[in-house]
């Protein structure tokens, strides 16, 4: 690996504090995707972002042909993958770009300094995001490869008749059910949930 930029080396204490030690995983995205009807598609590679104009250190390389899908604010089930092995499953109702943007907030831990003030971040970030962000960053520095995959879910609507007799189509939120099913399928295959998963919706168990 080439010499690291100051931006990357400055995060050493944060990585040491927040990273999780991952074990090899026997469930690959290829095998899991086959079980899920081959509905998952590659969004892009997660890589180090050493650009000085941005304070965050991770980005996702999105092929231009996939840009619209990445930005579309639709429901998705997603997989975060290390060296072809699934490390996290999750769901979102606002699209993959916004989900990734929320994960980047994991950068803002007290072990890092704010670019504008030079003071430590106040530590108001999500703990889950902080662990995931720094685990990926540390792993990339060790030479691992990370990817984002997602399954863009179909829209589901139902008709409701209002008191005046007008029929209205209402869109339903379904990703929680898909996410719970996806987690159950993974657990059936692996005997455990993905290593970077902490939460899933118990109402659909």
N, C-alpha and C. Protein backbone atom coordinates (compact mmCIF):
# COMPACT_ATOMS: atom_id res chain seq x y z
N UNK A 1 0.85 -1.21 0.00
CA UNK A 1 0.00 0.00 0.00
C UNK A 1 0.88 1.24 0.00
N UNK A 2 0.50 2.29 -0.72
CA UNK A 2 1.24 3.55 -0.74
C UNK A 2 1.12 4.24 0.61
N UNK A 3 1.98 5.23 0.81
CA UNK A 3 1.97 5.97 2.07
C UNK A 3 0.60 6.58 2.31
N UNK A 4 0.16 6.51 3.57
CA UNK A 4 -1.16 7.02 3.91
C UNK A 4 -1.14 8.53 4.06
N UNK A 5 -2.24 9.16 3.71
CA UNK A 5 -2.35 10.60 3.88
C UNK A 5 -2.56 10.91 5.36
N UNK A 6 -2.32 12.16 5.70
CA UNK A 6 -2.52 12.60 7.08
C UNK A 6 -3.96 12.40 7.51
N UNK A 7 -4.86 12.57 6.56
CA UNK A 7 -6.28 12.39 6.85
C UNK A 7 -6.57 10.98 7.36
N UNK A 8 -5.92 9.98 6.78
CA UNK A 8 -6.13 8.60 7.19
C UNK A 8 -5.40 8.30 8.49
N UNK A 9 -4.15 8.71 8.60
CA UNK A 9 -3.37 8.41 9.81
C UNK A 9 -3.98 9.07 11.04
N UNK A 10 -4.66 10.20 10.85
CA UNK A 10 -5.27 10.90 11.99
C UNK A 10 -6.38 10.09 12.66
N UNK A 11 -6.87 9.06 11.96
CA UNK A 11 -7.97 8.27 12.51
C UNK A 11 -7.53 7.03 13.27
N UNK A 12 -6.24 6.89 13.54
CA UNK A 12 -5.74 5.66 14.17
C UNK A 12 -6.39 5.40 15.52
N UNK A 13 -6.51 6.41 16.36
CA UNK A 13 -7.11 6.22 17.68
C UNK A 13 -8.59 5.86 17.57
N UNK A 14 -9.27 6.48 16.63
CA UNK A 14 -10.69 6.19 16.43
C UNK A 14 -10.88 4.75 15.97
N UNK A 15 -10.05 4.31 15.04
CA UNK A 15 -10.16 2.92 14.57
C UNK A 15 -9.88 1.94 15.69
N UNK A 16 -8.89 2.20 16.47
CA UNK A 16 -8.55 1.29 17.56
C UNK A 16 -9.68 1.19 18.58
N UNK A 17 -10.36 2.29 18.80
CA UNK A 17 -11.45 2.31 19.80
C UNK A 17 -12.72 1.65 19.28
N UNK A 18 -13.07 1.89 18.00
CA UNK A 18 -14.41 1.52 17.51
C UNK A 18 -14.45 0.27 16.63
N UNK A 19 -13.34 -0.17 16.09
CA UNK A 19 -13.38 -1.31 15.17
C UNK A 19 -13.82 -2.57 15.90
N UNK A 20 -14.47 -3.46 15.15
CA UNK A 20 -14.80 -4.78 15.65
C UNK A 20 -13.93 -5.80 14.95
N UNK A 21 -13.52 -6.80 15.68
CA UNK A 21 -12.72 -7.87 15.10
C UNK A 21 -13.66 -8.89 14.47
N UNK A 22 -13.52 -9.07 13.17
CA UNK A 22 -14.41 -9.95 12.41
C UNK A 22 -13.75 -11.30 12.16
N UNK A 23 -14.57 -12.34 12.16
CA UNK A 23 -14.13 -13.68 11.84
C UNK A 23 -14.45 -13.99 10.38
N UNK A 24 -13.75 -14.93 9.78
CA UNK A 24 -14.16 -15.37 8.44
C UNK A 24 -15.61 -15.87 8.48
N UNK A 25 -16.36 -15.61 7.41
CA UNK A 25 -17.78 -15.97 7.34
C UNK A 25 -17.98 -16.96 6.20
N UNK A 26 -18.71 -18.03 6.47
CA UNK A 26 -18.89 -19.05 5.43
C UNK A 26 -19.98 -18.70 4.42
N UNK A 27 -20.83 -17.73 4.74
CA UNK A 27 -21.94 -17.38 3.83
C UNK A 27 -21.48 -16.28 2.88
N UNK A 28 -21.40 -16.61 1.61
CA UNK A 28 -20.99 -15.64 0.60
C UNK A 28 -22.22 -14.95 0.01
N UNK A 29 -21.98 -13.78 -0.58
CA UNK A 29 -23.07 -13.07 -1.23
C UNK A 29 -23.60 -13.88 -2.41
N UNK A 30 -22.73 -14.64 -3.07
CA UNK A 30 -23.18 -15.45 -4.22
C UNK A 30 -24.18 -16.51 -3.77
N UNK A 31 -23.85 -17.24 -2.69
CA UNK A 31 -24.73 -18.29 -2.21
C UNK A 31 -26.02 -17.71 -1.63
N UNK A 32 -25.88 -16.63 -0.88
CA UNK A 32 -27.05 -16.02 -0.25
C UNK A 32 -27.98 -15.41 -1.29
N UNK A 33 -27.41 -14.77 -2.29
CA UNK A 33 -28.22 -14.15 -3.34
C UNK A 33 -28.99 -15.22 -4.11
N UNK A 34 -28.38 -16.36 -4.33
CA UNK A 34 -29.08 -17.44 -5.01
C UNK A 34 -30.29 -17.89 -4.19
N UNK A 35 -30.11 -17.95 -2.88
CA UNK A 35 -31.22 -18.33 -2.00
C UNK A 35 -32.32 -17.29 -2.02
N UNK A 36 -31.96 -16.05 -2.26
CA UNK A 36 -32.94 -14.95 -2.28
C UNK A 36 -33.44 -14.64 -3.69
N UNK A 37 -33.34 -15.60 -4.58
CA UNK A 37 -33.88 -15.43 -5.92
C UNK A 37 -33.05 -14.52 -6.81
N UNK A 38 -31.78 -14.33 -6.48
CA UNK A 38 -30.86 -13.48 -7.26
C UNK A 38 -31.38 -12.05 -7.40
N UNK A 39 -32.02 -11.56 -6.32
CA UNK A 39 -32.58 -10.20 -6.34
C UNK A 39 -31.57 -9.13 -5.95
N UNK A 40 -30.46 -9.51 -5.32
CA UNK A 40 -29.46 -8.53 -4.93
C UNK A 40 -28.59 -8.16 -6.13
N UNK A 41 -28.29 -6.87 -6.23
CA UNK A 41 -27.40 -6.36 -7.27
C UNK A 41 -26.26 -5.59 -6.60
N UNK A 42 -25.10 -5.63 -7.22
CA UNK A 42 -23.96 -4.87 -6.71
C UNK A 42 -24.21 -3.38 -6.88
N UNK A 43 -24.10 -2.64 -5.77
CA UNK A 43 -24.19 -1.17 -5.84
C UNK A 43 -22.83 -0.58 -6.17
N UNK A 44 -21.79 -1.03 -5.45
CA UNK A 44 -20.46 -0.50 -5.69
C UNK A 44 -19.47 -0.96 -4.64
N UNK A 45 -18.20 -0.65 -4.89
CA UNK A 45 -17.13 -0.98 -3.95
C UNK A 45 -17.01 0.12 -2.91
N UNK A 46 -16.81 -0.27 -1.66
CA UNK A 46 -16.51 0.68 -0.59
C UNK A 46 -15.00 0.83 -0.52
N UNK A 47 -14.50 2.05 -0.64
CA UNK A 47 -13.05 2.29 -0.68
C UNK A 47 -12.69 3.46 0.23
N UNK A 48 -11.38 3.58 0.49
CA UNK A 48 -10.89 4.73 1.25
C UNK A 48 -11.03 5.99 0.41
N UNK A 49 -11.43 7.07 1.05
CA UNK A 49 -11.56 8.37 0.40
C UNK A 49 -10.50 9.29 0.99
N UNK A 50 -9.44 9.51 0.24
CA UNK A 50 -8.32 10.32 0.74
C UNK A 50 -8.37 11.77 0.23
N UNK A 51 -9.48 12.12 -0.41
CA UNK A 51 -9.61 13.49 -0.94
C UNK A 51 -9.59 14.50 0.20
N UNK A 52 -8.71 15.51 0.15
CA UNK A 52 -8.59 16.45 1.27
C UNK A 52 -9.81 17.34 1.48
N UNK A 53 -10.63 17.52 0.45
CA UNK A 53 -11.78 18.42 0.60
C UNK A 53 -12.90 17.80 1.42
N UNK A 54 -12.85 16.49 1.67
CA UNK A 54 -13.86 15.82 2.49
C UNK A 54 -13.22 15.29 3.77
N UNK A 55 -13.92 15.44 4.88
CA UNK A 55 -13.37 14.97 6.14
C UNK A 55 -13.55 13.47 6.32
N UNK A 56 -14.64 12.92 5.79
CA UNK A 56 -14.87 11.49 5.92
C UNK A 56 -13.85 10.72 5.09
N UNK A 57 -13.64 9.45 5.44
CA UNK A 57 -12.55 8.66 4.86
C UNK A 57 -13.03 7.46 4.05
N UNK A 58 -14.34 7.31 3.89
CA UNK A 58 -14.89 6.20 3.12
C UNK A 58 -15.84 6.74 2.05
N UNK A 59 -15.89 6.03 0.92
CA UNK A 59 -16.86 6.36 -0.12
C UNK A 59 -17.23 5.08 -0.86
N UNK A 60 -18.31 5.15 -1.62
CA UNK A 60 -18.74 4.02 -2.44
C UNK A 60 -18.59 4.42 -3.90
N UNK A 61 -17.86 3.60 -4.66
CA UNK A 61 -17.68 3.87 -6.09
C UNK A 61 -18.87 3.32 -6.86
N UNK A 62 -19.71 4.22 -7.35
CA UNK A 62 -20.93 3.85 -8.06
C UNK A 62 -20.71 4.00 -9.56
N UNK A 63 -20.94 2.94 -10.31
CA UNK A 63 -20.86 3.02 -11.75
C UNK A 63 -21.94 3.97 -12.26
N UNK A 64 -21.64 4.82 -13.23
CA UNK A 64 -22.65 5.76 -13.74
C UNK A 64 -23.95 5.09 -14.17
N UNK A 65 -23.86 3.87 -14.67
CA UNK A 65 -25.06 3.16 -15.11
C UNK A 65 -25.95 2.78 -13.92
N UNK A 66 -25.41 2.82 -12.72
CA UNK A 66 -26.15 2.43 -11.51
C UNK A 66 -26.52 3.63 -10.65
N UNK A 67 -26.19 4.83 -11.13
CA UNK A 67 -26.36 6.03 -10.33
C UNK A 67 -27.82 6.30 -9.96
N UNK A 68 -28.73 6.14 -10.91
CA UNK A 68 -30.15 6.41 -10.64
C UNK A 68 -30.70 5.47 -9.58
N UNK A 69 -30.36 4.21 -9.68
CA UNK A 69 -30.81 3.23 -8.70
C UNK A 69 -30.26 3.55 -7.32
N UNK A 70 -29.00 3.96 -7.24
CA UNK A 70 -28.35 4.30 -5.97
C UNK A 70 -29.04 5.48 -5.30
N UNK A 71 -29.45 6.46 -6.09
CA UNK A 71 -30.04 7.68 -5.54
C UNK A 71 -31.54 7.58 -5.30
N UNK A 72 -32.20 6.61 -5.96
CA UNK A 72 -33.65 6.51 -5.89
C UNK A 72 -34.11 6.25 -4.45
N UNK A 73 -35.08 7.02 -3.97
CA UNK A 73 -35.54 6.91 -2.58
C UNK A 73 -36.65 5.86 -2.48
N UNK A 74 -36.24 4.62 -2.62
CA UNK A 74 -37.14 3.48 -2.54
C UNK A 74 -36.66 2.52 -1.45
N UNK A 75 -37.49 1.54 -1.14
CA UNK A 75 -37.13 0.58 -0.12
C UNK A 75 -36.12 -0.44 -0.65
N UNK A 76 -35.14 -0.76 0.17
CA UNK A 76 -34.12 -1.73 -0.20
C UNK A 76 -33.81 -2.63 0.99
N UNK A 77 -33.41 -3.86 0.70
CA UNK A 77 -32.67 -4.69 1.62
C UNK A 77 -31.23 -4.68 1.11
N UNK A 78 -30.28 -4.52 2.00
CA UNK A 78 -28.89 -4.41 1.54
C UNK A 78 -27.98 -5.36 2.30
N UNK A 79 -26.87 -5.67 1.66
CA UNK A 79 -25.83 -6.50 2.27
C UNK A 79 -24.51 -5.76 2.16
N UNK A 80 -23.78 -5.71 3.28
CA UNK A 80 -22.42 -5.17 3.28
C UNK A 80 -21.48 -6.37 3.34
N UNK A 81 -20.57 -6.42 2.38
CA UNK A 81 -19.83 -7.65 2.10
C UNK A 81 -18.32 -7.41 2.19
N UNK A 82 -17.63 -8.29 2.91
CA UNK A 82 -16.16 -8.25 2.99
C UNK A 82 -15.59 -9.47 2.28
N UNK A 83 -14.74 -9.24 1.30
CA UNK A 83 -14.09 -10.34 0.58
C UNK A 83 -15.11 -11.39 0.11
N UNK A 84 -16.27 -10.90 -0.33
CA UNK A 84 -17.31 -11.79 -0.83
C UNK A 84 -18.19 -12.40 0.23
N UNK A 85 -17.90 -12.15 1.52
CA UNK A 85 -18.65 -12.75 2.62
C UNK A 85 -19.54 -11.71 3.29
N UNK A 86 -20.77 -12.07 3.62
CA UNK A 86 -21.73 -11.12 4.18
C UNK A 86 -21.41 -10.81 5.64
N UNK A 87 -21.25 -9.52 5.92
CA UNK A 87 -20.96 -9.06 7.28
C UNK A 87 -22.14 -8.33 7.91
N UNK A 88 -23.04 -7.80 7.07
CA UNK A 88 -24.21 -7.10 7.60
C UNK A 88 -25.35 -7.16 6.61
N UNK A 89 -26.56 -7.32 7.13
CA UNK A 89 -27.79 -7.16 6.36
C UNK A 89 -28.61 -6.06 7.01
N UNK A 90 -29.32 -5.30 6.21
CA UNK A 90 -30.16 -4.24 6.75
C UNK A 90 -31.24 -3.84 5.76
N UNK A 91 -32.05 -2.87 6.17
CA UNK A 91 -33.12 -2.40 5.31
C UNK A 91 -33.25 -0.89 5.41
N UNK A 92 -33.79 -0.28 4.37
CA UNK A 92 -34.01 1.16 4.36
C UNK A 92 -35.25 1.49 3.55
N UNK A 93 -35.91 2.57 3.89
CA UNK A 93 -37.08 3.02 3.13
C UNK A 93 -36.76 4.27 2.32
N UNK A 94 -35.55 4.82 2.48
CA UNK A 94 -35.23 6.09 1.82
C UNK A 94 -34.11 5.94 0.78
N UNK A 95 -33.79 4.73 0.37
CA UNK A 95 -32.82 4.54 -0.69
C UNK A 95 -31.41 4.33 -0.18
N UNK A 96 -30.54 3.85 -1.06
CA UNK A 96 -29.20 3.45 -0.66
C UNK A 96 -28.27 4.63 -0.42
N UNK A 97 -28.38 5.68 -1.20
CA UNK A 97 -27.50 6.84 -0.99
C UNK A 97 -27.70 7.43 0.39
N UNK A 98 -28.96 7.61 0.79
CA UNK A 98 -29.22 8.18 2.11
C UNK A 98 -28.79 7.23 3.21
N UNK A 99 -28.93 5.92 2.97
CA UNK A 99 -28.49 4.97 3.99
C UNK A 99 -26.98 5.05 4.16
N UNK A 100 -26.26 5.12 3.05
CA UNK A 100 -24.81 5.22 3.13
C UNK A 100 -24.39 6.54 3.80
N UNK A 101 -25.08 7.62 3.48
CA UNK A 101 -24.77 8.90 4.10
C UNK A 101 -24.92 8.82 5.62
N UNK A 102 -25.92 8.08 6.09
CA UNK A 102 -26.09 7.94 7.54
C UNK A 102 -24.95 7.13 8.15
N UNK A 103 -24.47 6.12 7.42
CA UNK A 103 -23.33 5.35 7.93
C UNK A 103 -22.08 6.21 8.02
N UNK A 104 -21.92 7.15 7.09
CA UNK A 104 -20.74 8.02 7.14
C UNK A 104 -20.72 8.91 8.38
N UNK A 105 -21.87 9.11 9.00
CA UNK A 105 -21.90 9.87 10.25
C UNK A 105 -21.14 9.15 11.37
N UNK A 106 -20.88 7.85 11.16
CA UNK A 106 -20.07 7.11 12.12
C UNK A 106 -18.65 7.63 12.21
N UNK A 107 -18.23 8.46 11.27
CA UNK A 107 -16.91 9.10 11.31
C UNK A 107 -16.77 10.04 12.51
N UNK A 108 -17.89 10.62 12.94
CA UNK A 108 -17.86 11.76 13.88
C UNK A 108 -17.81 11.30 15.33
N UNK A 109 -16.72 10.64 15.69
CA UNK A 109 -16.52 10.13 17.06
C UNK A 109 -15.61 11.07 17.83
N UNK A 110 -15.65 11.01 19.17
CA UNK A 110 -14.83 11.93 19.98
C UNK A 110 -13.33 11.77 19.78
N UNK A 111 -12.92 10.64 19.22
CA UNK A 111 -11.48 10.42 18.98
C UNK A 111 -10.98 11.15 17.72
N UNK A 112 -11.88 11.83 17.02
CA UNK A 112 -11.49 12.60 15.83
C UNK A 112 -11.77 14.08 16.07
N UNK A 113 -11.01 14.91 15.35
CA UNK A 113 -11.17 16.36 15.48
C UNK A 113 -12.00 16.92 14.33
N UNK A 114 -12.82 17.91 14.66
CA UNK A 114 -13.60 18.59 13.64
C UNK A 114 -12.68 19.47 12.79
N UNK A 115 -12.89 19.44 11.49
CA UNK A 115 -12.04 20.19 10.58
C UNK A 115 -12.20 21.69 10.80
N UNK A 116 -13.41 22.12 11.09
CA UNK A 116 -13.67 23.57 11.20
C UNK A 116 -13.12 24.16 12.47
N UNK A 117 -13.27 23.47 13.60
CA UNK A 117 -12.91 24.03 14.90
C UNK A 117 -11.64 23.45 15.50
N UNK A 118 -11.26 22.25 15.05
CA UNK A 118 -10.11 21.59 15.66
C UNK A 118 -10.43 20.92 16.98
N UNK A 119 -11.69 20.99 17.38
CA UNK A 119 -12.13 20.38 18.63
C UNK A 119 -12.66 18.96 18.35
N UNK A 120 -12.62 18.08 19.36
CA UNK A 120 -13.18 16.74 19.17
C UNK A 120 -14.67 16.79 18.84
N UNK A 121 -15.12 15.82 18.03
CA UNK A 121 -16.55 15.71 17.79
C UNK A 121 -17.25 15.43 19.13
N UNK A 122 -18.50 15.90 19.29
CA UNK A 122 -19.19 15.74 20.58
C UNK A 122 -19.66 14.33 20.88
N UNK A 123 -19.58 13.43 19.91
CA UNK A 123 -19.96 12.04 20.19
C UNK A 123 -21.46 11.80 20.14
N UNK A 124 -22.16 12.52 19.28
CA UNK A 124 -23.61 12.35 19.17
C UNK A 124 -23.99 11.37 18.06
N UNK A 125 -23.01 10.74 17.46
CA UNK A 125 -23.27 9.81 16.36
C UNK A 125 -23.88 8.52 16.90
N UNK A 126 -24.47 7.73 16.00
CA UNK A 126 -24.97 6.40 16.35
C UNK A 126 -23.78 5.49 16.64
N UNK A 127 -23.85 4.77 17.76
CA UNK A 127 -22.79 3.83 18.12
C UNK A 127 -22.66 2.74 17.06
N UNK A 128 -23.81 2.25 16.56
CA UNK A 128 -23.79 1.24 15.50
C UNK A 128 -23.04 1.75 14.27
N UNK A 129 -23.32 2.99 13.86
CA UNK A 129 -22.64 3.57 12.71
C UNK A 129 -21.14 3.71 12.96
N UNK A 130 -20.77 4.10 14.17
CA UNK A 130 -19.36 4.27 14.51
C UNK A 130 -18.60 2.95 14.42
N UNK A 131 -19.19 1.88 14.95
CA UNK A 131 -18.55 0.57 14.87
C UNK A 131 -18.39 0.12 13.42
N UNK A 132 -19.46 0.25 12.64
CA UNK A 132 -19.41 -0.22 11.27
C UNK A 132 -18.41 0.58 10.45
N UNK A 133 -18.45 1.88 10.58
CA UNK A 133 -17.56 2.77 9.80
C UNK A 133 -16.11 2.44 10.07
N UNK A 134 -15.74 2.34 11.34
CA UNK A 134 -14.32 2.14 11.67
C UNK A 134 -13.87 0.70 11.46
N UNK A 135 -14.79 -0.23 11.53
CA UNK A 135 -14.45 -1.62 11.19
C UNK A 135 -14.10 -1.72 9.72
N UNK A 136 -14.90 -1.08 8.86
CA UNK A 136 -14.63 -1.11 7.43
C UNK A 136 -13.33 -0.37 7.12
N UNK A 137 -13.15 0.80 7.70
CA UNK A 137 -11.94 1.58 7.44
C UNK A 137 -10.69 0.79 7.84
N UNK A 138 -10.69 0.22 9.02
CA UNK A 138 -9.55 -0.56 9.49
C UNK A 138 -9.29 -1.77 8.58
N UNK A 139 -10.36 -2.42 8.17
CA UNK A 139 -10.25 -3.60 7.32
C UNK A 139 -9.70 -3.26 5.94
N UNK A 140 -10.13 -2.14 5.37
CA UNK A 140 -9.60 -1.70 4.07
C UNK A 140 -8.10 -1.43 4.16
N UNK A 141 -7.67 -0.87 5.27
CA UNK A 141 -6.25 -0.59 5.45
C UNK A 141 -5.43 -1.86 5.56
N UNK A 142 -6.08 -2.96 5.90
CA UNK A 142 -5.40 -4.25 5.97
C UNK A 142 -5.46 -5.01 4.65
N UNK A 143 -6.09 -4.39 3.64
CA UNK A 143 -6.11 -5.00 2.31
C UNK A 143 -7.37 -5.75 1.96
N UNK A 144 -8.39 -5.73 2.81
CA UNK A 144 -9.65 -6.40 2.50
C UNK A 144 -10.45 -5.60 1.48
N UNK A 145 -11.39 -6.27 0.84
CA UNK A 145 -12.28 -5.63 -0.13
C UNK A 145 -13.70 -5.61 0.42
N UNK A 146 -14.38 -4.48 0.27
CA UNK A 146 -15.74 -4.31 0.77
C UNK A 146 -16.66 -3.84 -0.35
N UNK A 147 -17.90 -4.32 -0.30
CA UNK A 147 -18.90 -3.95 -1.31
C UNK A 147 -20.27 -3.73 -0.66
N UNK A 148 -21.07 -2.94 -1.35
CA UNK A 148 -22.48 -2.74 -1.01
C UNK A 148 -23.32 -3.45 -2.07
N UNK A 149 -24.21 -4.33 -1.66
CA UNK A 149 -25.19 -4.96 -2.53
C UNK A 149 -26.58 -4.58 -2.03
N UNK A 150 -27.56 -4.52 -2.93
CA UNK A 150 -28.92 -4.25 -2.46
C UNK A 150 -29.98 -4.88 -3.36
N UNK A 151 -31.11 -5.07 -2.75
CA UNK A 151 -32.31 -5.60 -3.40
C UNK A 151 -33.35 -4.49 -3.33
N UNK A 152 -33.63 -3.87 -4.47
CA UNK A 152 -34.65 -2.82 -4.50
C UNK A 152 -36.02 -3.48 -4.47
N UNK A 153 -36.79 -3.18 -3.44
CA UNK A 153 -38.04 -3.91 -3.21
C UNK A 153 -39.17 -3.38 -4.09
N UNK A 154 -40.10 -4.25 -4.45
CA UNK A 154 -41.26 -3.80 -5.24
C UNK A 154 -42.18 -2.93 -4.40
N UNK A 155 -42.89 -2.05 -5.06
CA UNK A 155 -43.87 -1.22 -4.35
C UNK A 155 -45.12 -2.04 -4.05
N UNK A 156 -45.69 -1.80 -2.87
CA UNK A 156 -46.94 -2.46 -2.48
C UNK A 156 -47.95 -1.38 -2.09
N UNK A 157 -49.11 -1.43 -2.68
CA UNK A 157 -50.16 -0.47 -2.36
C UNK A 157 -51.47 -1.19 -2.07
N UNK A 158 -52.34 -0.51 -1.35
CA UNK A 158 -53.68 -1.03 -1.14
C UNK A 158 -54.68 0.11 -1.25
N UNK A 159 -55.92 -0.24 -1.52
CA UNK A 159 -56.97 0.75 -1.76
C UNK A 159 -57.82 0.95 -0.51
N UNK A 160 -58.07 2.20 -0.17
CA UNK A 160 -58.91 2.55 0.98
C UNK A 160 -60.05 3.44 0.48
N UNK A 161 -61.26 3.11 0.90
CA UNK A 161 -62.40 3.93 0.51
C UNK A 161 -62.67 4.96 1.59
N UNK A 162 -62.64 6.23 1.21
CA UNK A 162 -62.88 7.34 2.13
C UNK A 162 -64.38 7.50 2.38
N UNK A 163 -64.76 8.26 3.42
CA UNK A 163 -66.18 8.43 3.77
C UNK A 163 -67.03 8.99 2.62
N UNK A 164 -66.41 9.73 1.71
CA UNK A 164 -67.18 10.29 0.59
C UNK A 164 -67.32 9.29 -0.55
N UNK A 165 -66.72 8.11 -0.38
CA UNK A 165 -66.79 7.10 -1.44
C UNK A 165 -65.60 7.11 -2.38
N UNK A 166 -64.72 8.07 -2.20
CA UNK A 166 -63.52 8.13 -3.04
C UNK A 166 -62.54 7.04 -2.64
N UNK A 167 -62.00 6.34 -3.62
CA UNK A 167 -61.01 5.29 -3.37
C UNK A 167 -59.61 5.88 -3.51
N UNK A 168 -58.80 5.65 -2.48
CA UNK A 168 -57.44 6.20 -2.44
C UNK A 168 -56.43 5.07 -2.36
N UNK A 169 -55.38 5.15 -3.19
CA UNK A 169 -54.29 4.17 -3.15
C UNK A 169 -53.24 4.62 -2.13
N UNK A 170 -52.89 3.73 -1.23
CA UNK A 170 -51.92 4.03 -0.18
C UNK A 170 -50.72 3.09 -0.31
N UNK A 171 -49.53 3.67 -0.33
CA UNK A 171 -48.30 2.87 -0.39
C UNK A 171 -47.96 2.36 1.00
N UNK A 172 -47.59 1.11 1.09
CA UNK A 172 -47.24 0.51 2.38
C UNK A 172 -45.73 0.37 2.51
N UNK A 173 -45.27 0.47 3.75
CA UNK A 173 -43.85 0.25 4.05
C UNK A 173 -43.66 -1.24 4.37
N UNK A 174 -42.81 -1.89 3.60
CA UNK A 174 -42.69 -3.35 3.74
C UNK A 174 -41.27 -3.82 4.06
N UNK A 175 -40.29 -2.93 4.06
CA UNK A 175 -38.92 -3.41 4.15
C UNK A 175 -38.63 -4.13 5.47
N UNK A 176 -39.35 -3.78 6.56
CA UNK A 176 -39.14 -4.47 7.83
C UNK A 176 -39.42 -5.97 7.69
N UNK A 177 -40.48 -6.29 6.98
CA UNK A 177 -40.83 -7.70 6.80
C UNK A 177 -39.79 -8.42 5.94
N UNK A 178 -39.36 -7.76 4.86
CA UNK A 178 -38.32 -8.34 4.00
C UNK A 178 -37.01 -8.50 4.78
N UNK A 179 -36.68 -7.49 5.59
CA UNK A 179 -35.44 -7.54 6.35
C UNK A 179 -35.44 -8.69 7.35
N UNK A 180 -36.55 -8.86 8.04
CA UNK A 180 -36.64 -9.95 9.01
C UNK A 180 -36.56 -11.30 8.32
N UNK A 181 -37.25 -11.44 7.19
CA UNK A 181 -37.17 -12.69 6.43
C UNK A 181 -35.74 -12.95 5.96
N UNK A 182 -35.07 -11.90 5.47
CA UNK A 182 -33.70 -12.03 4.99
C UNK A 182 -32.77 -12.47 6.11
N UNK A 183 -32.97 -11.90 7.29
CA UNK A 183 -32.13 -12.26 8.44
C UNK A 183 -32.37 -13.72 8.83
N UNK A 184 -33.62 -14.15 8.80
CA UNK A 184 -33.94 -15.54 9.14
C UNK A 184 -33.30 -16.50 8.16
N UNK A 185 -33.33 -16.16 6.87
CA UNK A 185 -32.70 -17.01 5.86
C UNK A 185 -31.20 -17.12 6.10
N UNK A 186 -30.57 -16.00 6.41
CA UNK A 186 -29.14 -16.03 6.69
C UNK A 186 -28.84 -16.90 7.91
N UNK A 187 -29.63 -16.73 8.95
CA UNK A 187 -29.40 -17.51 10.18
C UNK A 187 -29.60 -19.00 9.93
N UNK A 188 -30.57 -19.34 9.09
CA UNK A 188 -30.78 -20.75 8.74
C UNK A 188 -29.55 -21.32 8.03
N UNK A 189 -28.89 -20.50 7.23
CA UNK A 189 -27.71 -20.95 6.50
C UNK A 189 -26.46 -20.99 7.38
N UNK A 190 -26.31 -19.96 8.22
CA UNK A 190 -25.05 -19.79 8.96
C UNK A 190 -25.10 -20.27 10.40
N UNK A 191 -26.31 -20.29 10.98
CA UNK A 191 -26.42 -20.62 12.40
C UNK A 191 -26.27 -19.42 13.30
N UNK A 192 -26.14 -18.24 12.72
CA UNK A 192 -26.00 -17.00 13.49
C UNK A 192 -26.38 -15.84 12.57
N UNK A 193 -26.61 -14.66 13.14
CA UNK A 193 -26.88 -13.48 12.33
C UNK A 193 -25.55 -12.89 11.86
N UNK A 194 -25.55 -12.03 10.84
CA UNK A 194 -24.29 -11.43 10.39
C UNK A 194 -23.57 -10.69 11.52
N UNK A 195 -22.26 -10.69 11.45
CA UNK A 195 -21.45 -10.21 12.57
C UNK A 195 -21.62 -8.73 12.88
N UNK A 196 -21.99 -7.92 11.91
CA UNK A 196 -22.17 -6.49 12.15
C UNK A 196 -23.64 -6.11 12.31
N UNK A 197 -24.49 -7.10 12.55
CA UNK A 197 -25.92 -6.83 12.77
C UNK A 197 -26.20 -6.79 14.27
N UNK A 198 -26.96 -5.77 14.66
CA UNK A 198 -27.38 -5.65 16.06
C UNK A 198 -28.89 -5.68 16.21
N UNK A 199 -29.59 -5.21 15.18
CA UNK A 199 -31.04 -5.03 15.29
C UNK A 199 -31.77 -5.60 14.09
N UNK A 200 -32.96 -6.10 14.34
CA UNK A 200 -33.93 -6.44 13.29
C UNK A 200 -35.30 -6.34 13.91
N UNK A 201 -36.31 -6.25 13.10
CA UNK A 201 -37.66 -5.97 13.62
C UNK A 201 -38.30 -7.25 14.19
N UNK A 202 -38.50 -7.30 15.52
CA UNK A 202 -39.08 -8.52 16.12
C UNK A 202 -40.53 -8.76 15.78
N UNK A 203 -41.23 -7.72 15.29
CA UNK A 203 -42.65 -7.88 14.98
C UNK A 203 -42.90 -8.79 13.80
N UNK A 204 -41.85 -9.08 13.02
CA UNK A 204 -42.01 -9.93 11.84
C UNK A 204 -41.32 -11.28 12.02
N UNK A 205 -40.92 -11.58 13.27
CA UNK A 205 -40.29 -12.86 13.53
C UNK A 205 -41.32 -13.97 13.55
